[in-house]
């Protein structure tokens, strides 16, 4: 067991990634991430917010989330990539445009060392908004 020296919580793994204090806003979430990835997260946040103008911004499942009556899309910082979580139906819909990216059920991985594909992300967000009445995985 490993105990975090800041919050005294115990974890199974040494130096396990966690939030000592759970962020309450997307800006708080971004502020506690590694300094070098904060600009990328801010850029993604703006891209999504520009499409979802009247969506509520919350932290859900420990991730920045945009909702409008229900969760529309999530994103999160990971060790080697940003995860965008539009759900499995969106992944299926955009399969041909996602060939250059690692995907798994409901998520897309964008590497930190490559520019974010703004047009693709905005199209996915618009699709998720238009299809938010459908069952979207994990939401």
Protein backbone atom coordinates (compact mmCIF):
# COMPACT_ATOMS: atom_id res chain seq x y z
CA UNK A 1 0.00 0.00 0.00
CA UNK A 2 1.08 3.54 -0.75
CA UNK A 3 -0.13 6.60 1.14
CA UNK A 4 -0.30 9.94 -0.66
CA UNK A 5 1.77 12.47 1.33
CA UNK A 6 -0.66 15.29 0.42
CA UNK A 7 -4.08 13.78 1.19
CA UNK A 8 -3.10 10.68 3.24
CA UNK A 9 -5.32 8.39 1.15
CA UNK A 10 -4.01 4.86 0.69
CA UNK A 11 -3.64 3.22 -2.72
CA UNK A 12 -2.61 -0.16 -4.02
CA UNK A 13 0.14 1.21 -6.31
CA UNK A 14 3.08 3.48 -5.50
CA UNK A 15 2.56 7.02 -6.82
CA UNK A 16 -0.92 6.11 -8.09
CA UNK A 17 -2.51 8.93 -10.04
CA UNK A 18 -5.46 10.48 -8.21
CA UNK A 19 -7.04 13.76 -7.21
CA UNK A 20 -6.28 14.76 -3.66
CA UNK A 21 -9.34 16.96 -3.94
CA UNK A 22 -11.97 16.23 -6.58
CA UNK A 23 -12.20 19.13 -9.06
CA UNK A 24 -15.58 20.83 -9.13
CA UNK A 25 -15.29 22.53 -12.53
CA UNK A 26 -13.61 21.78 -15.84
CA UNK A 27 -11.20 24.66 -15.26
CA UNK A 28 -10.29 23.16 -11.86
CA UNK A 29 -9.73 19.78 -13.54
CA UNK A 30 -7.41 21.31 -16.12
CA UNK A 31 -5.52 23.33 -13.48
CA UNK A 32 -4.43 20.20 -11.59
CA UNK A 33 -3.08 18.43 -14.69
CA UNK A 34 0.57 18.51 -15.75
CA UNK A 35 1.54 21.99 -16.87
CA UNK A 36 2.65 20.84 -20.32
CA UNK A 37 -0.76 19.34 -21.18
CA UNK A 38 -2.93 22.12 -19.79
CA UNK A 39 -2.89 24.13 -23.08
CA UNK A 40 -4.06 21.05 -25.01
CA UNK A 41 -6.87 20.40 -22.53
CA UNK A 42 -7.90 24.08 -22.68
CA UNK A 43 -7.96 23.88 -26.47
CA UNK A 44 -10.19 20.79 -26.37
CA UNK A 45 -12.44 22.41 -23.77
CA UNK A 46 -12.92 25.45 -26.02
CA UNK A 47 -13.57 23.29 -29.11
CA UNK A 48 -16.34 21.42 -27.34
CA UNK A 49 -17.81 24.49 -25.64
CA UNK A 50 -17.97 26.33 -29.00
CA UNK A 51 -20.28 23.60 -30.33
CA UNK A 52 -22.28 23.04 -27.14
CA UNK A 53 -22.98 26.68 -26.35
CA UNK A 54 -25.78 26.11 -23.86
CA UNK A 55 -24.63 22.81 -22.38
CA UNK A 56 -23.90 22.52 -18.69
CA UNK A 57 -20.26 21.87 -17.81
CA UNK A 58 -19.79 19.42 -14.94
CA UNK A 59 -17.43 16.79 -13.61
CA UNK A 60 -19.01 13.36 -14.04
CA UNK A 61 -17.28 10.01 -13.58
CA UNK A 62 -14.25 12.12 -12.57
CA UNK A 63 -14.06 13.66 -16.06
CA UNK A 64 -14.96 17.00 -17.64
CA UNK A 65 -18.44 16.46 -19.04
CA UNK A 66 -20.86 18.45 -21.13
CA UNK A 67 -24.53 17.75 -20.52
CA UNK A 68 -27.88 18.87 -21.79
CA UNK A 69 -30.56 16.86 -19.98
CA UNK A 70 -28.06 13.97 -20.17
CA UNK A 71 -24.31 13.58 -20.62
CA UNK A 72 -23.30 14.41 -24.19
CA UNK A 73 -19.52 13.95 -24.18
CA UNK A 74 -16.61 13.58 -21.74
CA UNK A 75 -12.86 14.07 -21.98
CA UNK A 76 -9.97 13.24 -19.69
CA UNK A 77 -6.21 13.53 -19.36
CA UNK A 78 -4.36 10.22 -19.32
CA UNK A 79 -0.64 9.49 -19.02
CA UNK A 80 0.05 9.35 -22.75
CA UNK A 81 -3.08 10.75 -24.37
CA UNK A 82 -6.28 12.73 -24.01
CA UNK A 83 -9.32 10.50 -24.03
CA UNK A 84 -12.46 11.78 -25.72
CA UNK A 85 -15.53 9.78 -24.71
CA UNK A 86 -18.39 10.23 -27.16
CA UNK A 87 -19.78 6.70 -26.68
CA UNK A 88 -19.65 3.56 -28.76
CA UNK A 89 -22.32 4.66 -31.27
CA UNK A 90 -20.22 7.69 -32.21
CA UNK A 91 -17.11 5.54 -32.59
CA UNK A 92 -19.04 3.29 -34.98
CA UNK A 93 -20.46 6.27 -36.90
CA UNK A 94 -17.02 7.89 -37.38
CA UNK A 95 -15.04 4.66 -37.93
CA UNK A 96 -13.58 5.72 -41.30
CA UNK A 97 -12.46 9.12 -39.97
CA UNK A 98 -10.89 7.55 -36.88
CA UNK A 99 -8.50 5.19 -38.65
CA UNK A 100 -5.47 7.29 -37.59
CA UNK A 101 -6.42 7.15 -33.90
CA UNK A 102 -6.54 4.44 -31.28
CA UNK A 103 -10.11 3.79 -30.22
CA UNK A 104 -11.75 1.47 -27.76
CA UNK A 105 -15.36 0.96 -26.87
CA UNK A 106 -16.66 4.50 -26.53
CA UNK A 107 -13.32 6.35 -26.50
CA UNK A 108 -10.81 7.99 -28.82
CA UNK A 109 -7.18 8.56 -27.85
CA UNK A 110 -5.46 11.75 -29.02
CA UNK A 111 -1.70 11.72 -28.44
CA UNK A 112 -0.21 14.75 -26.71
CA UNK A 113 2.55 15.15 -29.29
CA UNK A 114 0.12 15.56 -32.22
CA UNK A 115 -2.26 18.44 -32.96
CA UNK A 116 -5.89 17.92 -32.05
CA UNK A 117 -8.05 17.30 -35.16
CA UNK A 118 -10.41 20.25 -34.62
CA UNK A 119 -12.80 19.53 -37.50
CA UNK A 120 -13.16 15.89 -36.53
CA UNK A 121 -13.70 16.71 -32.86
CA UNK A 122 -16.33 19.34 -33.65
CA UNK A 123 -18.13 16.95 -35.99
CA UNK A 124 -18.16 14.27 -33.30
CA UNK A 125 -19.47 16.73 -30.71
CA UNK A 126 -22.24 17.90 -33.10
CA UNK A 127 -23.15 14.27 -33.81
CA UNK A 128 -23.31 13.50 -30.09
CA UNK A 129 -25.55 16.51 -29.50
CA UNK A 130 -27.90 15.51 -32.33
CA UNK A 131 -27.95 11.92 -31.10
CA UNK A 132 -27.99 12.55 -27.35
CA UNK A 133 -31.42 10.95 -27.09
CA UNK A 134 -29.86 7.67 -28.21
CA UNK A 135 -28.21 5.37 -25.70
CA UNK A 136 -24.62 6.55 -25.50
CA UNK A 137 -22.30 4.12 -23.73
CA UNK A 138 -21.39 5.06 -20.16
CA UNK A 139 -23.79 7.96 -20.00
